[in-house]
Amino acid sequence: MSLDAVRNEIREIDERIIDLIAERQRLAARIARLKQEEGLPIRDGPQRKAVLDRAFTYAVESRIDPVAVRSIFEILIDMNEERQRGCSGDGNLP
């Protein structure tokens, strides 16, 4: 397989990752509505910890750098919280 072919495969994976992040953001908007209905705060410390712990453990099982994966998931959670704030009228997103 050529270098260009491998790079194209990586590009396709990158696009799928972005699609999954977009889907995660759509779900964050749904969560925002549910939290509003139930009077819950956007930030949920125990849920954040559970997600980060789950990502870390799965990264270890997958034999990839769990610290880096945890950092990525911290960013994803921050993005989702910002999306939720936006849905609540408190965020900076369009």
PDB file of N, CA and C in Angstrom:
ATOM      1  N   MET A   1       0.850  -1.179   0.000  1.00  0.00           N
ATOM      2  CA  MET A   1       0.000   0.000   0.000  1.00  0.00           C
ATOM      3  C   MET A   1       0.894   1.240   0.000  1.00  0.00           C
ATOM      4  N   SER A   2       0.513   2.233  -0.760  1.00  0.00           N
ATOM      5  CA  SER A   2       1.315   3.448  -0.874  1.00  0.00           C
ATOM      6  C   SER A   2       1.064   4.396   0.292  1.00  0.00           C
ATOM      7  N   LEU A   3       1.984   5.338   0.456  1.00  0.00           N
ATOM      8  CA  LEU A   3       1.851   6.361   1.491  1.00  0.00           C
ATOM      9  C   LEU A   3       0.560   7.143   1.296  1.00  0.00           C
ATOM     10  N   ASP A   4       0.262   7.520   0.047  1.00  0.00           N
ATOM     11  CA  ASP A   4      -0.961   8.276  -0.231  1.00  0.00           C
ATOM     12  C   ASP A   4      -2.207   7.472   0.125  1.00  0.00           C
ATOM     13  N   ALA A   5      -2.186   6.193  -0.129  1.00  0.00           N
ATOM     14  CA  ALA A   5      -3.345   5.344   0.185  1.00  0.00           C
ATOM     15  C   ALA A   5      -3.570   5.286   1.691  1.00  0.00           C
ATOM     16  N   VAL A   6      -2.492   5.138   2.456  1.00  0.00           N
ATOM     17  CA  VAL A   6      -2.614   5.102   3.915  1.00  0.00           C
ATOM     18  C   VAL A   6      -3.102   6.450   4.432  1.00  0.00           C
ATOM     19  N   ARG A   7      -2.574   7.520   3.870  1.00  0.00           N
ATOM     20  CA  ARG A   7      -3.034   8.853   4.285  1.00  0.00           C
ATOM     21  C   ARG A   7      -4.511   9.056   3.968  1.00  0.00           C
ATOM     22  N   ASN A   8      -4.958   8.521   2.856  1.00  0.00           N
ATOM     23  CA  ASN A   8      -6.384   8.620   2.520  1.00  0.00           C
ATOM     24  C   ASN A   8      -7.235   7.847   3.526  1.00  0.00           C
ATOM     25  N   GLU A   9      -6.752   6.702   3.959  1.00  0.00           N
ATOM     26  CA  GLU A   9      -7.482   5.943   4.988  1.00  0.00           C
ATOM     27  C   GLU A   9      -7.566   6.746   6.282  1.00  0.00           C
ATOM     28  N   ILE A  10      -6.462   7.393   6.641  1.00  0.00           N
ATOM     29  CA  ILE A  10      -6.463   8.231   7.847  1.00  0.00           C
ATOM     30  C   ILE A  10      -7.442   9.387   7.691  1.00  0.00           C
ATOM     31  N   ARG A  11      -7.465  10.006   6.523  1.00  0.00           N
ATOM     32  CA  ARG A  11      -8.401  11.104   6.269  1.00  0.00           C
ATOM     33  C   ARG A  11      -9.837  10.627   6.437  1.00  0.00           C
ATOM     34  N   GLU A  12     -10.152   9.447   5.942  1.00  0.00           N
ATOM     35  CA  GLU A  12     -11.496   8.894   6.078  1.00  0.00           C
ATOM     36  C   GLU A  12     -11.835   8.643   7.547  1.00  0.00           C
ATOM     37  N   ILE A  13     -10.880   8.139   8.298  1.00  0.00           N
ATOM     38  CA  ILE A  13     -11.088   7.927   9.732  1.00  0.00           C
ATOM     39  C   ILE A  13     -11.310   9.265  10.429  1.00  0.00           C
ATOM     40  N   ASP A  14     -10.504  10.265  10.073  1.00  0.00           N
ATOM     41  CA  ASP A  14     -10.663  11.609  10.667  1.00  0.00           C
ATOM     42  C   ASP A  14     -12.068  12.141  10.421  1.00  0.00           C
ATOM     43  N   GLU A  15     -12.574  11.941   9.225  1.00  0.00           N
ATOM     44  CA  GLU A  15     -13.919  12.417   8.912  1.00  0.00           C
ATOM     45  C   GLU A  15     -14.967  11.666   9.725  1.00  0.00           C
ATOM     46  N   ARG A  16     -14.775  10.379   9.919  1.00  0.00           N
ATOM     47  CA  ARG A  16     -15.708   9.607  10.745  1.00  0.00           C
ATOM     48  C   ARG A  16     -15.659  10.077  12.199  1.00  0.00           C
ATOM     49  N   ILE A  17     -14.448  10.389  12.683  1.00  0.00           N
ATOM     50  CA  ILE A  17     -14.317  10.910  14.047  1.00  0.00           C
ATOM     51  C   ILE A  17     -15.090  12.220  14.183  1.00  0.00           C
ATOM     52  N   ILE A  18     -14.947  13.103  13.210  1.00  0.00           N
ATOM     53  CA  ILE A  18     -15.663  14.379  13.241  1.00  0.00           C
ATOM     54  C   ILE A  18     -17.169  14.147  13.198  1.00  0.00           C
ATOM     55  N   ASP A  19     -17.620  13.198  12.379  1.00  0.00           N
ATOM     56  CA  ASP A  19     -19.044  12.867  12.342  1.00  0.00           C
ATOM     57  C   ASP A  19     -19.530  12.386  13.702  1.00  0.00           C
ATOM     58  N   LEU A  20     -18.729  11.580  14.382  1.00  0.00           N
ATOM     59  CA  LEU A  20     -19.101  11.083  15.706  1.00  0.00           C
ATOM     60  C   LEU A  20     -19.125  12.213  16.743  1.00  0.00           C
ATOM     61  N   ILE A  21     -18.179  13.138  16.626  1.00  0.00           N
ATOM     62  CA  ILE A  21     -18.185  14.295  17.537  1.00  0.00           C
ATOM     63  C   ILE A  21     -19.443  15.129  17.301  1.00  0.00           C
ATOM     64  N   ALA A  22     -19.817  15.299  16.039  1.00  0.00           N
ATOM     65  CA  ALA A  22     -21.035  16.050  15.726  1.00  0.00           C
ATOM     66  C   ALA A  22     -22.256  15.344  16.314  1.00  0.00           C
ATOM     67  N   GLU A  23     -22.295  14.026  16.234  1.00  0.00           N
ATOM     68  CA  GLU A  23     -23.405  13.280  16.827  1.00  0.00           C
ATOM     69  C   GLU A  23     -23.408  13.435  18.337  1.00  0.00           C
ATOM     70  N   ARG A  24     -22.235  13.434  18.944  1.00  0.00           N
ATOM     71  CA  ARG A  24     -22.126  13.635  20.398  1.00  0.00           C
ATOM     72  C   ARG A  24     -22.680  15.010  20.773  1.00  0.00           C
ATOM     73  N   GLN A  25     -22.406  16.012  19.938  1.00  0.00           N
ATOM     74  CA  GLN A  25     -22.909  17.364  20.183  1.00  0.00           C
ATOM     75  C   GLN A  25     -24.427  17.414  20.066  1.00  0.00           C
ATOM     76  N   ARG A  26     -24.992  16.688  19.091  1.00  0.00           N
ATOM     77  CA  ARG A  26     -26.449  16.646  18.956  1.00  0.00           C
ATOM     78  C   ARG A  26     -27.080  16.015  20.202  1.00  0.00           C
ATOM     79  N   LEU A  27     -26.437  14.968  20.709  1.00  0.00           N
ATOM     80  CA  LEU A  27     -26.949  14.338  21.924  1.00  0.00           C
ATOM     81  C   LEU A  27     -26.819  15.278  23.122  1.00  0.00           C
ATOM     82  N   ALA A  28     -25.770  16.085  23.150  1.00  0.00           N
ATOM     83  CA  ALA A  28     -25.603  17.060  24.230  1.00  0.00           C
ATOM     84  C   ALA A  28     -26.763  18.048  24.238  1.00  0.00           C
ATOM     85  N   ALA A  29     -27.240  18.415  23.060  1.00  0.00           N
ATOM     86  CA  ALA A  29     -28.385  19.327  22.985  1.00  0.00           C
ATOM     87  C   ALA A  29     -29.628  18.660  23.572  1.00  0.00           C
ATOM     88  N   ARG A  30     -29.803  17.382  23.303  1.00  0.00           N
ATOM     89  CA  ARG A  30     -30.947  16.655  23.877  1.00  0.00           C
ATOM     90  C   ARG A  30     -30.813  16.574  25.394  1.00  0.00           C
ATOM     91  N   ILE A  31     -29.588  16.316  25.856  1.00  0.00           N
ATOM     92  CA  ILE A  31     -29.349  16.260  27.301  1.00  0.00           C
ATOM     93  C   ILE A  31     -29.662  17.605  27.939  1.00  0.00           C
ATOM     94  N   ALA A  32     -29.289  18.692  27.270  1.00  0.00           N
ATOM     95  CA  ALA A  32     -29.557  20.031  27.812  1.00  0.00           C
ATOM     96  C   ALA A  32     -31.048  20.215  28.054  1.00  0.00           C
ATOM     97  N   ARG A  33     -31.864  19.809  27.083  1.00  0.00           N
ATOM     98  CA  ARG A  33     -33.313  19.951  27.237  1.00  0.00           C
ATOM     99  C   ARG A  33     -33.816  19.113  28.412  1.00  0.00           C
ATOM    100  N   LEU A  34     -33.320  17.898  28.526  1.00  0.00           N
ATOM    101  CA  LEU A  34     -33.746  17.031  29.628  1.00  0.00           C
ATOM    102  C   LEU A  34     -33.329  17.603  30.984  1.00  0.00           C
ATOM    103  N   LYS A  35     -32.108  18.120  31.052  1.00  0.00           N
ATOM    104  CA  LYS A  35     -31.637  18.721  32.298  1.00  0.00           C
ATOM    105  C   LYS A  35     -32.470  19.947  32.656  1.00  0.00           C
ATOM    106  N   GLN A  36     -32.820  20.754  31.655  1.00  0.00           N
ATOM    107  CA  GLN A  36     -33.657  21.924  31.915  1.00  0.00           C
ATOM    108  C   GLN A  36     -35.003  21.497  32.471  1.00  0.00           C
ATOM    109  N   GLU A  37     -35.609  20.487  31.856  1.00  0.00           N
ATOM    110  CA  GLU A  37     -36.911  20.008  32.312  1.00  0.00           C
ATOM    111  C   GLU A  37     -36.859  19.516  33.758  1.00  0.00           C
ATOM    112  N   GLU A  38     -35.725  18.910  34.134  1.00  0.00           N
ATOM    113  CA  GLU A  38     -35.586  18.349  35.477  1.00  0.00           C
ATOM    114  C   GLU A  38     -34.921  19.303  36.464  1.00  0.00           C
ATOM    115  N   GLY A  39     -34.558  20.501  35.973  1.00  0.00           N
ATOM    116  CA  GLY A  39     -33.932  21.487  36.844  1.00  0.00           C
ATOM    117  C   GLY A  39     -32.534  21.103  37.298  1.00  0.00           C
ATOM    118  N   LEU A  40     -31.826  20.359  36.458  1.00  0.00           N
ATOM    119  CA  LEU A  40     -30.475  19.901  36.803  1.00  0.00           C
ATOM    120  C   LEU A  40     -29.422  20.852  36.242  1.00  0.00           C
ATOM    121  N   PRO A  41     -28.277  20.969  36.921  1.00  0.00           N
ATOM    122  CA  PRO A  41     -27.199  21.813  36.398  1.00  0.00           C
ATOM    123  C   PRO A  41     -26.539  21.161  35.185  1.00  0.00           C
ATOM    124  N   ILE A  42     -25.907  21.981  34.388  1.00  0.00           N
ATOM    125  CA  ILE A  42     -25.202  21.472  33.211  1.00  0.00           C
ATOM    126  C   ILE A  42     -24.025  20.596  33.633  1.00  0.00           C
ATOM    127  N   ARG A  43     -23.230  21.101  34.547  1.00  0.00           N
ATOM    128  CA  ARG A  43     -22.042  20.349  34.976  1.00  0.00           C
ATOM    129  C   ARG A  43     -22.461  19.246  35.934  1.00  0.00           C
ATOM    130  N   ASP A  44     -22.040  18.021  35.608  1.00  0.00           N
ATOM    131  CA  ASP A  44     -22.367  16.844  36.407  1.00  0.00           C
ATOM    132  C   ASP A  44     -21.057  16.131  36.733  1.00  0.00           C
ATOM    133  N   GLY A  45     -20.477  16.487  37.875  1.00  0.00           N
ATOM    134  CA  GLY A  45     -19.175  15.960  38.270  1.00  0.00           C
ATOM    135  C   GLY A  45     -19.086  14.441  38.274  1.00  0.00           C
ATOM    136  N   PRO A  46     -20.042  13.740  38.894  1.00  0.00           N
ATOM    137  CA  PRO A  46     -19.971  12.276  38.897  1.00  0.00           C
ATOM    138  C   PRO A  46     -20.043  11.665  37.488  1.00  0.00           C
ATOM    139  N   GLN A  47     -20.886  12.239  36.620  1.00  0.00           N
ATOM    140  CA  GLN A  47     -20.980  11.727  35.248  1.00  0.00           C
ATOM    141  C   GLN A  47     -19.679  11.992  34.494  1.00  0.00           C
ATOM    142  N   ARG A  48     -19.114  13.174  34.682  1.00  0.00           N
ATOM    143  CA  ARG A  48     -17.836  13.510  34.043  1.00  0.00           C
ATOM    144  C   ARG A  48     -16.772  12.504  34.451  1.00  0.00           C
ATOM    145  N   LYS A  49     -16.686  12.216  35.748  1.00  0.00           N
ATOM    146  CA  LYS A  49     -15.700  11.257  36.242  1.00  0.00           C
ATOM    147  C   LYS A  49     -15.939   9.872  35.647  1.00  0.00           C
ATOM    148  N   ALA A  50     -17.205   9.462  35.580  1.00  0.00           N
ATOM    149  CA  ALA A  50     -17.533   8.149  35.025  1.00  0.00           C
ATOM    150  C   ALA A  50     -17.099   8.040  33.566  1.00  0.00           C
ATOM    151  N   VAL A  51     -17.358   9.078  32.779  1.00  0.00           N
ATOM    152  CA  VAL A  51     -16.972   9.072  31.362  1.00  0.00           C
ATOM    153  C   VAL A  51     -15.456   9.021  31.231  1.00  0.00           C
ATOM    154  N   LEU A  52     -14.754   9.860  32.006  1.00  0.00           N
ATOM    155  CA  LEU A  52     -13.292   9.889  31.925  1.00  0.00           C
ATOM    156  C   LEU A  52     -12.689   8.561  32.369  1.00  0.00           C
ATOM    157  N   ASP A  53     -13.221   7.988  33.430  1.00  0.00           N
ATOM    158  CA  ASP A  53     -12.719   6.689  33.896  1.00  0.00           C
ATOM    159  C   ASP A  53     -12.971   5.599  32.860  1.00  0.00           C
ATOM    160  N   ARG A  54     -14.155   5.620  32.266  1.00  0.00           N
ATOM    161  CA  ARG A  54     -14.491   4.631  31.241  1.00  0.00           C
ATOM    162  C   ARG A  54     -13.583   4.758  30.021  1.00  0.00           C
ATOM    163  N   ALA A  55     -13.332   5.979  29.593  1.00  0.00           N
ATOM    164  CA  ALA A  55     -12.449   6.209  28.446  1.00  0.00           C
ATOM    165  C   ALA A  55     -11.032   5.755  28.761  1.00  0.00           C
ATOM    166  N   PHE A  56     -10.556   6.065  29.958  1.00  0.00           N
ATOM    167  CA  PHE A  56      -9.204   5.680  30.375  1.00  0.00           C
ATOM    168  C   PHE A  56      -9.074   4.156  30.364  1.00  0.00           C
ATOM    169  N   THR A  57     -10.035   3.478  30.957  1.00  0.00           N
ATOM    170  CA  THR A  57      -9.995   2.017  31.035  1.00  0.00           C
ATOM    171  C   THR A  57     -10.043   1.388  29.650  1.00  0.00           C
ATOM    172  N   TYR A  58     -10.916   1.898  28.798  1.00  0.00           N
ATOM    173  CA  TYR A  58     -11.025   1.351  27.445  1.00  0.00           C
ATOM    174  C   TYR A  58      -9.748   1.596  26.651  1.00  0.00           C
ATOM    175  N   ALA A  59      -9.118   2.744  26.860  1.00  0.00           N
ATOM    176  CA  ALA A  59      -7.846   3.021  26.190  1.00  0.00           C
ATOM    177  C   ALA A  59      -6.780   2.024  26.634  1.00  0.00           C
ATOM    178  N   VAL A  60      -6.722   1.740  27.924  1.00  0.00           N
ATOM    179  CA  VAL A  60      -5.764   0.743  28.429  1.00  0.00           C
ATOM    180  C   VAL A  60      -6.036  -0.595  27.760  1.00  0.00           C
ATOM    181  N   GLU A  61      -7.306  -1.013  27.739  1.00  0.00           N
ATOM    182  CA  GLU A  61      -7.670  -2.286  27.114  1.00  0.00           C
ATOM    183  C   GLU A  61      -7.334  -2.299  25.625  1.00  0.00           C
ATOM    184  N   SER A  62      -7.416  -1.139  24.989  1.00  0.00           N
ATOM    185  CA  SER A  62      -7.139  -1.017  23.555  1.00  0.00           C
ATOM    186  C   SER A  62      -5.659  -0.800  23.253  1.00  0.00           C
ATOM    187  N   ARG A  63      -4.870  -0.719  24.314  1.00  0.00           N
ATOM    188  CA  ARG A  63      -3.417  -0.542  24.202  1.00  0.00           C
ATOM    189  C   ARG A  63      -3.020   0.747  23.489  1.00  0.00           C
ATOM    190  N   ILE A  64      -3.730   1.818  23.853  1.00  0.00           N
ATOM    191  CA  ILE A  64      -3.332   3.146  23.407  1.00  0.00           C
ATOM    192  C   ILE A  64      -3.161   4.018  24.645  1.00  0.00           C
ATOM    193  N   ASP A  65      -2.492   5.129  24.482  1.00  0.00           N
ATOM    194  CA  ASP A  65      -2.126   6.000  25.597  1.00  0.00           C
ATOM    195  C   ASP A  65      -3.368   6.482  26.353  1.00  0.00           C
ATOM    196  N   PRO A  66      -3.602   5.960  27.555  1.00  0.00           N
ATOM    197  CA  PRO A  66      -4.820   6.343  28.288  1.00  0.00           C
ATOM    198  C   PRO A  66      -4.814   7.786  28.763  1.00  0.00           C
ATOM    199  N   VAL A  67      -3.651   8.343  29.011  1.00  0.00           N
ATOM    200  CA  VAL A  67      -3.579   9.742  29.455  1.00  0.00           C
ATOM    201  C   VAL A  67      -3.989  10.662  28.310  1.00  0.00           C
ATOM    202  N   ALA A  68      -3.511  10.370  27.109  1.00  0.00           N
ATOM    203  CA  ALA A  68      -3.888  11.178  25.948  1.00  0.00           C
ATOM    204  C   ALA A  68      -5.383  11.034  25.660  1.00  0.00           C
ATOM    205  N   VAL A  69      -5.895   9.816  25.757  1.00  0.00           N
ATOM    206  CA  VAL A  69      -7.319   9.591  25.511  1.00  0.00           C
ATOM    207  C   VAL A  69      -8.150  10.346  26.541  1.00  0.00           C
ATOM    208  N   ARG A  70      -7.719  10.315  27.783  1.00  0.00           N
ATOM    209  CA  ARG A  70      -8.435  11.049  28.829  1.00  0.00           C
ATOM    210  C   ARG A  70      -8.468  12.542  28.492  1.00  0.00           C
ATOM    211  N   SER A  71      -7.353  13.072  28.004  1.00  0.00           N
ATOM    212  CA  SER A  71      -7.301  14.493  27.619  1.00  0.00           C
ATOM    213  C   SER A  71      -8.282  14.793  26.488  1.00  0.00           C
ATOM    214  N   ILE A  72      -8.353  13.893  25.522  1.00  0.00           N
ATOM    215  CA  ILE A  72      -9.296  14.073  24.414  1.00  0.00           C
ATOM    216  C   ILE A  72     -10.719  14.092  24.948  1.00  0.00           C
ATOM    217  N   PHE A  73     -11.026  13.185  25.865  1.00  0.00           N
ATOM    218  CA  PHE A  73     -12.377  13.127  26.408  1.00  0.00           C
ATOM    219  C   PHE A  73     -12.689  14.326  27.301  1.00  0.00           C
ATOM    220  N   GLU A  74     -11.691  14.890  27.946  1.00  0.00           N
ATOM    221  CA  GLU A  74     -11.921  16.124  28.691  1.00  0.00           C
ATOM    222  C   GLU A  74     -12.360  17.230  27.736  1.00  0.00           C
ATOM    223  N   ILE A  75     -11.730  17.296  26.581  1.00  0.00           N
ATOM    224  CA  ILE A  75     -12.111  18.287  25.569  1.00  0.00           C
ATOM    225  C   ILE A  75     -13.525  18.013  25.073  1.00  0.00           C
ATOM    226  N   LEU A  76     -13.844  16.742  24.792  1.00  0.00           N
ATOM    227  CA  LEU A  76     -15.182  16.401  24.319  1.00  0.00           C
ATOM    228  C   LEU A  76     -16.251  16.765  25.344  1.00  0.00           C
ATOM    229  N   ILE A  77     -15.972  16.490  26.606  1.00  0.00           N
ATOM    230  CA  ILE A  77     -16.932  16.838  27.660  1.00  0.00           C
ATOM    231  C   ILE A  77     -17.087  18.349  27.744  1.00  0.00           C
ATOM    232  N   ASP A  78     -15.976  19.075  27.679  1.00  0.00           N
ATOM    233  CA  ASP A  78     -16.054  20.548  27.699  1.00  0.00           C
ATOM    234  C   ASP A  78     -16.892  21.061  26.530  1.00  0.00           C
ATOM    235  N   MET A  79     -16.699  20.458  25.355  1.00  0.00           N
ATOM    236  CA  MET A  79     -17.490  20.848  24.183  1.00  0.00           C
ATOM    237  C   MET A  79     -18.975  20.584  24.420  1.00  0.00           C
ATOM    238  N   ASN A  80     -19.277  19.442  25.004  1.00  0.00           N
ATOM    239  CA  ASN A  80     -20.677  19.119  25.262  1.00  0.00           C
ATOM    240  C   ASN A  80     -21.293  20.053  26.291  1.00  0.00           C
ATOM    241  N   GLU A  81     -20.525  20.385  27.325  1.00  0.00           N
ATOM    242  CA  GLU A  81     -21.046  21.323  28.319  1.00  0.00           C
ATOM    243  C   GLU A  81     -21.297  22.689  27.691  1.00  0.00           C
ATOM    244  N   GLU A  82     -20.403  23.106  26.801  1.00  0.00           N
ATOM    245  CA  GLU A  82     -20.597  24.387  26.113  1.00  0.00           C
ATOM    246  C   GLU A  82     -21.833  24.323  25.219  1.00  0.00           C
ATOM    247  N   ARG A  83     -22.031  23.202  24.554  1.00  0.00           N
ATOM    248  CA  ARG A  83     -23.224  23.032  23.719  1.00  0.00           C
ATOM    249  C   ARG A  83     -24.484  23.110  24.593  1.00  0.00           C
ATOM    250  N   GLN A  84     -24.434  22.470  25.752  1.00  0.00           N
ATOM    251  CA  GLN A  84     -25.579  22.514  26.669  1.00  0.00           C
ATOM    252  C   GLN A  84     -25.845  23.939  27.144  1.00  0.00           C
ATOM    253  N   ARG A  85     -24.761  24.674  27.452  1.00  0.00           N
ATOM    254  CA  ARG A  85     -24.951  26.077  27.852  1.00  0.00           C
ATOM    255  C   ARG A  85     -25.571  26.863  26.709  1.00  0.00           C
ATOM    256  N   GLY A  86     -25.126  26.594  25.488  1.00  0.00           N
ATOM    257  CA  GLY A  86     -25.682  27.272  24.320  1.00  0.00           C
ATOM    258  C   GLY A  86     -27.165  26.991  24.150  1.00  0.00           C
ATOM    259  N   CYS A  87     -27.538  25.751  24.386  1.00  0.00           N
ATOM    260  CA  CYS A  87     -28.952  25.375  24.282  1.00  0.00           C
ATOM    261  C   CYS A  87     -29.778  26.007  25.385  1.00  0.00           C
ATOM    262  N   SER A  88     -29.110  26.341  26.476  1.00  0.00           N
ATOM    263  CA  SER A  88     -29.793  26.975  27.609  1.00  0.00           C
ATOM    264  C   SER A  88     -29.764  28.497  27.510  1.00  0.00           C
ATOM    265  N   GLY A  89     -29.110  29.009  26.459  1.00  0.00           N
ATOM    266  CA  GLY A  89     -29.020  30.447  26.269  1.00  0.00           C
ATOM    267  C   GLY A  89     -27.855  31.079  26.997  1.00  0.00           C
ATOM    268  N   ASP A  90     -26.966  30.260  27.578  1.00  0.00           N
ATOM    269  CA  ASP A  90     -25.844  30.803  28.345  1.00  0.00           C
ATOM    270  C   ASP A  90     -24.496  30.623  27.660  1.00  0.00           C
ATOM    271  N   GLY A  91     -24.455  30.009  26.497  1.00  0.00           N
ATOM    272  CA  GLY A  91     -23.161  29.672  25.892  1.00  0.00           C
ATOM    273  C   GLY A  91     -22.674  30.691  24.893  1.00  0.00           C
ATOM    274  N   ASN A  92     -21.550  30.353  24.288  1.00  0.00           N
ATOM    275  CA  ASN A  92     -20.908  31.219  23.308  1.00  0.00           C
ATOM    276  C   ASN A  92     -21.052  30.688  21.879  1.00  0.00           C
ATOM    277  N   LEU A  93     -21.782  29.592  21.696  1.00  0.00           N
ATOM    278  CA  LEU A  93     -21.905  28.997  20.374  1.00  0.00           C
ATOM    279  C   LEU A  93     -23.058  29.627  19.608  1.00  0.00           C
ATOM    280  N   PRO A  94     -22.937  29.617  18.278  1.00  0.00           N
ATOM    281  CA  PRO A  94     -24.037  30.171  17.461  1.00  0.00           C
ATOM    282  C   PRO A  94     -25.273  29.296  17.527  1.00  0.00           C
TER     283      PRO A  94
END
